[in-house]
């Protein structure tokens, strides 16, 4: 018996505790809860650990900093939101921007963006991680849809894809900063406004307008 206990003890020291299944997801969920409840500045790794039923060292073994933890939490929110791509550029753009709007106006989304802007000089790591894990994947989703629409003959091949992405995303933030409400149909209105000039058939041409109308 003693030999068996010694062997178990030696194995535990050698390999450590087995990882708890679902722990990473629990940590990210607790981080999202903290972001929503107190914002990034007041969020603490200790509170996240308590909410996830784990320890600070365990969190730091997965996420090297508070900034990395916060951005990973926001990325997890984006990743677990399913996309139902149809191949119709208009419908897919509206869906993607609707999901973007719902994430951006959440309390944790607003607090994280505010923290990124406020702390960009003092904490450039946060801005870099936010760009890598939140901004760039969002832009890539829109880029794929727009390029797919061009390939499918739905969007004018001369359309400026990068400018379109910036206009789509920027219009929501501009409205928010101005205190203007973004209604539930914001995504549809902004997509249709852009497509009126960039649908296949030429900028503002009757054919272009007809193509957009036929997909409504």
C-alpha atoms as a PDB file:
ATOM      1  CA  UNK A   1       0.000   0.000   0.000  1.00  0.00           C
ATOM      2  CA  UNK A   2       2.786   2.363   0.934  1.00  0.00           C
ATOM      3  CA  UNK A   3       4.570   1.626  -2.331  1.00  0.00           C
ATOM      4  CA  UNK A   4       1.335   2.337  -4.252  1.00  0.00           C
ATOM      5  CA  UNK A   5       0.799   5.683  -2.488  1.00  0.00           C
ATOM      6  CA  UNK A   6       4.415   6.647  -3.163  1.00  0.00           C
ATOM      7  CA  UNK A   7       3.962   5.831  -6.849  1.00  0.00           C
ATOM      8  CA  UNK A   8       0.784   7.947  -7.054  1.00  0.00           C
ATOM      9  CA  UNK A   9       2.519  10.806  -5.270  1.00  0.00           C
ATOM     10  CA  UNK A  10       5.503  10.597  -7.607  1.00  0.00           C
ATOM     11  CA  UNK A  11       3.202  10.582 -10.652  1.00  0.00           C
ATOM     12  CA  UNK A  12       1.328  13.614  -9.350  1.00  0.00           C
ATOM     13  CA  UNK A  13       4.545  15.547  -8.915  1.00  0.00           C
ATOM     14  CA  UNK A  14       5.770  14.507 -12.321  1.00  0.00           C
ATOM     15  CA  UNK A  15       2.629  15.241 -14.340  1.00  0.00           C
ATOM     16  CA  UNK A  16       0.738  17.703 -12.119  1.00  0.00           C
ATOM     17  CA  UNK A  17      -3.008  17.768 -11.664  1.00  0.00           C
ATOM     18  CA  UNK A  18      -5.112  16.671 -14.634  1.00  0.00           C
ATOM     19  CA  UNK A  19      -6.682  19.630 -16.406  1.00  0.00           C
ATOM     20  CA  UNK A  20     -10.309  20.266 -15.511  1.00  0.00           C
ATOM     21  CA  UNK A  21     -12.535  19.753 -18.524  1.00  0.00           C
ATOM     22  CA  UNK A  22     -14.168  22.974 -19.653  1.00  0.00           C
ATOM     23  CA  UNK A  23     -11.972  25.130 -17.417  1.00  0.00           C
ATOM     24  CA  UNK A  24     -10.811  27.434 -20.198  1.00  0.00           C
ATOM     25  CA  UNK A  25     -14.409  28.061 -21.224  1.00  0.00           C
ATOM     26  CA  UNK A  26     -15.323  28.765 -17.591  1.00  0.00           C
ATOM     27  CA  UNK A  27     -12.470  31.264 -17.304  1.00  0.00           C
ATOM     28  CA  UNK A  28     -13.511  33.081 -20.468  1.00  0.00           C
ATOM     29  CA  UNK A  29     -17.144  33.177 -19.343  1.00  0.00           C
ATOM     30  CA  UNK A  30     -16.105  34.600 -15.972  1.00  0.00           C
ATOM     31  CA  UNK A  31     -13.954  37.206 -17.727  1.00  0.00           C
ATOM     32  CA  UNK A  32     -16.891  38.263 -19.906  1.00  0.00           C
ATOM     33  CA  UNK A  33     -19.053  38.548 -16.810  1.00  0.00           C
ATOM     34  CA  UNK A  34     -16.445  40.749 -15.119  1.00  0.00           C
ATOM     35  CA  UNK A  35     -16.060  42.939 -18.211  1.00  0.00           C
ATOM     36  CA  UNK A  36     -19.800  43.424 -18.374  1.00  0.00           C
ATOM     37  CA  UNK A  37     -20.161  44.064 -14.652  1.00  0.00           C
ATOM     38  CA  UNK A  38     -17.208  46.325 -13.815  1.00  0.00           C
ATOM     39  CA  UNK A  39     -15.410  47.088 -17.090  1.00  0.00           C
ATOM     40  CA  UNK A  40     -11.818  46.375 -18.091  1.00  0.00           C
ATOM     41  CA  UNK A  41     -10.096  48.853 -15.760  1.00  0.00           C
ATOM     42  CA  UNK A  42     -11.701  47.384 -12.620  1.00  0.00           C
ATOM     43  CA  UNK A  43     -11.645  43.783 -13.788  1.00  0.00           C
ATOM     44  CA  UNK A  44      -9.183  41.678 -11.788  1.00  0.00           C
ATOM     45  CA  UNK A  45      -7.726  38.276 -12.551  1.00  0.00           C
ATOM     46  CA  UNK A  46      -8.441  37.312  -8.956  1.00  0.00           C
ATOM     47  CA  UNK A  47     -12.168  37.984  -9.436  1.00  0.00           C
ATOM     48  CA  UNK A  48     -12.167  36.045 -12.702  1.00  0.00           C
ATOM     49  CA  UNK A  49     -10.469  33.110 -10.965  1.00  0.00           C
ATOM     50  CA  UNK A  50     -13.072  33.190  -8.223  1.00  0.00           C
ATOM     51  CA  UNK A  51     -15.900  33.256 -10.762  1.00  0.00           C
ATOM     52  CA  UNK A  52     -14.413  30.332 -12.697  1.00  0.00           C
ATOM     53  CA  UNK A  53     -13.690  28.293  -9.561  1.00  0.00           C
ATOM     54  CA  UNK A  54      -9.950  28.222 -10.154  1.00  0.00           C
ATOM     55  CA  UNK A  55      -6.766  30.074  -9.195  1.00  0.00           C
ATOM     56  CA  UNK A  56      -4.778  33.011 -10.555  1.00  0.00           C
ATOM     57  CA  UNK A  57      -1.739  30.840 -11.426  1.00  0.00           C
ATOM     58  CA  UNK A  58      -4.010  28.552 -13.442  1.00  0.00           C
ATOM     59  CA  UNK A  59      -5.336  31.535 -15.408  1.00  0.00           C
ATOM     60  CA  UNK A  60      -1.856  32.939 -16.000  1.00  0.00           C
ATOM     61  CA  UNK A  61      -0.752  29.533 -17.277  1.00  0.00           C
ATOM     62  CA  UNK A  62      -3.262  29.997 -20.099  1.00  0.00           C
ATOM     63  CA  UNK A  63      -3.298  33.778 -20.546  1.00  0.00           C
ATOM     64  CA  UNK A  64      -0.064  35.689 -19.851  1.00  0.00           C
ATOM     65  CA  UNK A  65      -1.755  38.980 -18.947  1.00  0.00           C
ATOM     66  CA  UNK A  66      -5.047  40.611 -18.058  1.00  0.00           C
ATOM     67  CA  UNK A  67      -5.147  42.147 -21.547  1.00  0.00           C
ATOM     68  CA  UNK A  68      -4.680  38.733 -23.178  1.00  0.00           C
ATOM     69  CA  UNK A  69      -7.450  37.293 -21.008  1.00  0.00           C
ATOM     70  CA  UNK A  70      -9.881  40.094 -21.830  1.00  0.00           C
ATOM     71  CA  UNK A  71      -9.318  39.959 -25.586  1.00  0.00           C
ATOM     72  CA  UNK A  72      -9.535  36.144 -25.587  1.00  0.00           C
ATOM     73  CA  UNK A  73     -12.866  36.431 -23.797  1.00  0.00           C
ATOM     74  CA  UNK A  74     -14.225  38.806 -26.447  1.00  0.00           C
ATOM     75  CA  UNK A  75     -12.867  36.581 -29.213  1.00  0.00           C
ATOM     76  CA  UNK A  76     -14.655  33.579 -27.680  1.00  0.00           C
ATOM     77  CA  UNK A  77     -17.917  35.514 -27.811  1.00  0.00           C
ATOM     78  CA  UNK A  78     -17.422  36.167 -31.521  1.00  0.00           C
ATOM     79  CA  UNK A  79     -16.376  32.584 -32.270  1.00  0.00           C
ATOM     80  CA  UNK A  80     -19.361  30.933 -30.647  1.00  0.00           C
ATOM     81  CA  UNK A  81     -21.789  33.064 -32.655  1.00  0.00           C
ATOM     82  CA  UNK A  82     -22.683  30.905 -35.691  1.00  0.00           C
ATOM     83  CA  UNK A  83     -22.792  32.382 -39.180  1.00  0.00           C
ATOM     84  CA  UNK A  84     -25.257  31.086 -41.741  1.00  0.00           C
ATOM     85  CA  UNK A  85     -23.606  31.968 -45.036  1.00  0.00           C
ATOM     86  CA  UNK A  86     -25.984  31.900 -48.017  1.00  0.00           C
ATOM     87  CA  UNK A  87     -23.724  32.987 -50.854  1.00  0.00           C
ATOM     88  CA  UNK A  88     -25.903  36.076 -51.327  1.00  0.00           C
ATOM     89  CA  UNK A  89     -23.602  39.016 -50.592  1.00  0.00           C
ATOM     90  CA  UNK A  90     -26.371  41.311 -49.391  1.00  0.00           C
ATOM     91  CA  UNK A  91     -27.875  38.770 -46.991  1.00  0.00           C
ATOM     92  CA  UNK A  92     -24.467  37.723 -45.656  1.00  0.00           C
ATOM     93  CA  UNK A  93     -23.314  41.311 -45.132  1.00  0.00           C
ATOM     94  CA  UNK A  94     -26.510  42.123 -43.251  1.00  0.00           C
ATOM     95  CA  UNK A  95     -26.090  39.074 -41.027  1.00  0.00           C
ATOM     96  CA  UNK A  96     -22.438  39.828 -40.261  1.00  0.00           C
ATOM     97  CA  UNK A  97     -23.123  43.483 -39.467  1.00  0.00           C
ATOM     98  CA  UNK A  98     -26.143  42.570 -37.345  1.00  0.00           C
ATOM     99  CA  UNK A  99     -23.908  40.313 -35.256  1.00  0.00           C
ATOM    100  CA  UNK A 100     -21.297  43.073 -35.082  1.00  0.00           C
ATOM    101  CA  UNK A 101     -23.906  45.558 -33.852  1.00  0.00           C
ATOM    102  CA  UNK A 102     -25.192  43.203 -31.157  1.00  0.00           C
ATOM    103  CA  UNK A 103     -21.641  42.616 -29.885  1.00  0.00           C
ATOM    104  CA  UNK A 104     -20.564  46.252 -30.063  1.00  0.00           C
ATOM    105  CA  UNK A 105     -23.509  47.590 -28.069  1.00  0.00           C
ATOM    106  CA  UNK A 106     -23.201  44.965 -25.314  1.00  0.00           C
ATOM    107  CA  UNK A 107     -21.891  46.333 -22.033  1.00  0.00           C
ATOM    108  CA  UNK A 108     -18.683  44.272 -22.227  1.00  0.00           C
ATOM    109  CA  UNK A 109     -18.120  45.290 -25.837  1.00  0.00           C
ATOM    110  CA  UNK A 110     -18.507  48.991 -25.051  1.00  0.00           C
ATOM    111  CA  UNK A 111     -16.346  48.826 -21.931  1.00  0.00           C
ATOM    112  CA  UNK A 112     -13.576  46.990 -23.765  1.00  0.00           C
ATOM    113  CA  UNK A 113     -13.535  49.470 -26.633  1.00  0.00           C
ATOM    114  CA  UNK A 114     -13.452  52.337 -24.156  1.00  0.00           C
ATOM    115  CA  UNK A 115     -10.553  50.735 -22.302  1.00  0.00           C
ATOM    116  CA  UNK A 116      -8.618  50.216 -25.530  1.00  0.00           C
ATOM    117  CA  UNK A 117      -8.989  53.891 -26.463  1.00  0.00           C
ATOM    118  CA  UNK A 118      -8.221  55.215 -22.992  1.00  0.00           C
ATOM    119  CA  UNK A 119      -5.218  52.966 -22.375  1.00  0.00           C
ATOM    120  CA  UNK A 120      -3.690  52.850 -25.851  1.00  0.00           C
ATOM    121  CA  UNK A 121      -0.653  54.892 -24.756  1.00  0.00           C
ATOM    122  CA  UNK A 122      -0.171  53.388 -21.297  1.00  0.00           C
ATOM    123  CA  UNK A 123      -1.047  49.848 -22.362  1.00  0.00           C
ATOM    124  CA  UNK A 124      -0.218  49.319 -26.062  1.00  0.00           C
ATOM    125  CA  UNK A 125      -0.387  45.535 -25.548  1.00  0.00           C
ATOM    126  CA  UNK A 126      -4.131  45.798 -25.041  1.00  0.00           C
ATOM    127  CA  UNK A 127      -4.599  47.669 -28.317  1.00  0.00           C
ATOM    128  CA  UNK A 128      -2.401  45.199 -30.208  1.00  0.00           C
ATOM    129  CA  UNK A 129      -4.320  42.210 -28.836  1.00  0.00           C
ATOM    130  CA  UNK A 130      -7.680  43.851 -29.477  1.00  0.00           C
ATOM    131  CA  UNK A 131      -6.706  44.462 -33.091  1.00  0.00           C
ATOM    132  CA  UNK A 132      -5.420  40.912 -33.544  1.00  0.00           C
ATOM    133  CA  UNK A 133      -8.247  39.004 -31.874  1.00  0.00           C
ATOM    134  CA  UNK A 134     -11.279  41.248 -32.376  1.00  0.00           C
ATOM    135  CA  UNK A 135     -10.813  43.862 -35.112  1.00  0.00           C
ATOM    136  CA  UNK A 136      -8.914  41.875 -37.749  1.00  0.00           C
ATOM    137  CA  UNK A 137     -11.107  38.718 -37.599  1.00  0.00           C
ATOM    138  CA  UNK A 138     -14.192  40.915 -37.936  1.00  0.00           C
ATOM    139  CA  UNK A 139     -12.711  42.681 -40.949  1.00  0.00           C
ATOM    140  CA  UNK A 140     -11.696  39.351 -42.474  1.00  0.00           C
ATOM    141  CA  UNK A 141     -15.282  38.058 -42.208  1.00  0.00           C
ATOM    142  CA  UNK A 142     -16.533  41.093 -44.132  1.00  0.00           C
ATOM    143  CA  UNK A 143     -13.642  40.834 -46.608  1.00  0.00           C
ATOM    144  CA  UNK A 144     -14.559  37.239 -47.467  1.00  0.00           C
ATOM    145  CA  UNK A 145     -18.195  38.153 -48.072  1.00  0.00           C
ATOM    146  CA  UNK A 146     -17.333  41.118 -50.288  1.00  0.00           C
ATOM    147  CA  UNK A 147     -14.756  39.204 -52.319  1.00  0.00           C
ATOM    148  CA  UNK A 148     -17.198  36.319 -52.652  1.00  0.00           C
ATOM    149  CA  UNK A 149     -19.818  38.763 -53.931  1.00  0.00           C
ATOM    150  CA  UNK A 150     -17.366  40.074 -56.512  1.00  0.00           C
ATOM    151  CA  UNK A 151     -16.481  36.529 -57.612  1.00  0.00           C
ATOM    152  CA  UNK A 152     -20.182  35.653 -57.894  1.00  0.00           C
ATOM    153  CA  UNK A 153     -20.932  38.700 -60.033  1.00  0.00           C
ATOM    154  CA  UNK A 154     -23.094  40.362 -57.377  1.00  0.00           C
ATOM    155  CA  UNK A 155     -20.713  43.249 -56.574  1.00  0.00           C
ATOM    156  CA  UNK A 156     -18.895  45.572 -58.960  1.00  0.00           C
ATOM    157  CA  UNK A 157     -15.316  44.242 -59.342  1.00  0.00           C
ATOM    158  CA  UNK A 158     -14.071  47.842 -59.093  1.00  0.00           C
ATOM    159  CA  UNK A 159     -15.571  48.230 -55.609  1.00  0.00           C
ATOM    160  CA  UNK A 160     -13.073  49.255 -52.925  1.00  0.00           C
ATOM    161  CA  UNK A 161     -13.350  46.358 -50.476  1.00  0.00           C
ATOM    162  CA  UNK A 162     -11.164  47.812 -47.729  1.00  0.00           C
ATOM    163  CA  UNK A 163     -12.954  51.158 -47.830  1.00  0.00           C
ATOM    164  CA  UNK A 164     -16.304  49.352 -47.657  1.00  0.00           C
ATOM    165  CA  UNK A 165     -15.236  47.471 -44.521  1.00  0.00           C
ATOM    166  CA  UNK A 166     -14.112  50.677 -42.831  1.00  0.00           C
ATOM    167  CA  UNK A 167     -17.350  52.440 -43.795  1.00  0.00           C
ATOM    168  CA  UNK A 168     -19.521  49.605 -42.471  1.00  0.00           C
ATOM    169  CA  UNK A 169     -17.742  49.332 -39.125  1.00  0.00           C
ATOM    170  CA  UNK A 170     -17.067  53.040 -38.749  1.00  0.00           C
ATOM    171  CA  UNK A 171     -20.667  54.068 -39.315  1.00  0.00           C
ATOM    172  CA  UNK A 172     -21.784  52.218 -36.188  1.00  0.00           C
ATOM    173  CA  UNK A 173     -19.110  53.772 -33.988  1.00  0.00           C
ATOM    174  CA  UNK A 174     -19.736  57.224 -35.473  1.00  0.00           C
ATOM    175  CA  UNK A 175     -23.460  56.965 -34.711  1.00  0.00           C
ATOM    176  CA  UNK A 176     -22.752  55.777 -31.178  1.00  0.00           C
ATOM    177  CA  UNK A 177     -20.323  58.614 -30.478  1.00  0.00           C
ATOM    178  CA  UNK A 178     -22.839  61.127 -31.828  1.00  0.00           C
ATOM    179  CA  UNK A 179     -25.522  59.733 -29.543  1.00  0.00           C
ATOM    180  CA  UNK A 180     -27.623  58.662 -32.527  1.00  0.00           C
ATOM    181  CA  UNK A 181     -29.514  55.396 -31.983  1.00  0.00           C
ATOM    182  CA  UNK A 182     -28.730  52.510 -34.317  1.00  0.00           C
ATOM    183  CA  UNK A 183     -32.046  50.829 -34.982  1.00  0.00           C
ATOM    184  CA  UNK A 184     -32.503  47.099 -35.465  1.00  0.00           C
ATOM    185  CA  UNK A 185     -32.500  47.641 -39.242  1.00  0.00           C
ATOM    186  CA  UNK A 186     -29.180  49.540 -39.186  1.00  0.00           C
ATOM    187  CA  UNK A 187     -27.292  46.710 -40.911  1.00  0.00           C
ATOM    188  CA  UNK A 188     -29.824  46.463 -43.736  1.00  0.00           C
ATOM    189  CA  UNK A 189     -29.854  50.223 -44.309  1.00  0.00           C
ATOM    190  CA  UNK A 190     -26.077  50.614 -44.392  1.00  0.00           C
ATOM    191  CA  UNK A 191     -25.603  47.600 -46.690  1.00  0.00           C
ATOM    192  CA  UNK A 192     -28.286  48.763 -49.112  1.00  0.00           C
ATOM    193  CA  UNK A 193     -26.855  52.286 -49.163  1.00  0.00           C
ATOM    194  CA  UNK A 194     -23.447  50.883 -50.127  1.00  0.00           C
ATOM    195  CA  UNK A 195     -24.831  48.417 -52.674  1.00  0.00           C
ATOM    196  CA  UNK A 196     -26.759  51.156 -54.468  1.00  0.00           C
ATOM    197  CA  UNK A 197     -23.362  52.412 -55.633  1.00  0.00           C
ATOM    198  CA  UNK A 198     -21.441  49.133 -55.757  1.00  0.00           C
ATOM    199  CA  UNK A 199     -23.758  46.380 -56.952  1.00  0.00           C
ATOM    200  CA  UNK A 200     -22.745  44.601 -60.145  1.00  0.00           C
ATOM    201  CA  UNK A 201     -23.676  46.614 -63.210  1.00  0.00           C
ATOM    202  CA  UNK A 202     -21.862  49.822 -62.399  1.00  0.00           C
ATOM    203  CA  UNK A 203     -21.995  52.611 -59.835  1.00  0.00           C
ATOM    204  CA  UNK A 204     -25.539  53.817 -59.464  1.00  0.00           C
ATOM    205  CA  UNK A 205     -26.622  52.307 -62.792  1.00  0.00           C
ATOM    206  CA  UNK A 206     -30.224  51.139 -63.320  1.00  0.00           C
ATOM    207  CA  UNK A 207     -28.966  47.572 -63.602  1.00  0.00           C
ATOM    208  CA  UNK A 208     -27.109  47.879 -60.303  1.00  0.00           C
ATOM    209  CA  UNK A 209     -30.213  49.210 -58.549  1.00  0.00           C
ATOM    210  CA  UNK A 210     -32.324  46.448 -60.083  1.00  0.00           C
ATOM    211  CA  UNK A 211     -29.888  43.767 -58.914  1.00  0.00           C
ATOM    212  CA  UNK A 212     -30.064  45.039 -55.333  1.00  0.00           C
ATOM    213  CA  UNK A 213     -33.862  45.335 -55.386  1.00  0.00           C
ATOM    214  CA  UNK A 214     -34.254  41.802 -56.690  1.00  0.00           C
ATOM    215  CA  UNK A 215     -32.472  40.445 -53.629  1.00  0.00           C
ATOM    216  CA  UNK A 216     -34.614  42.285 -51.083  1.00  0.00           C
END
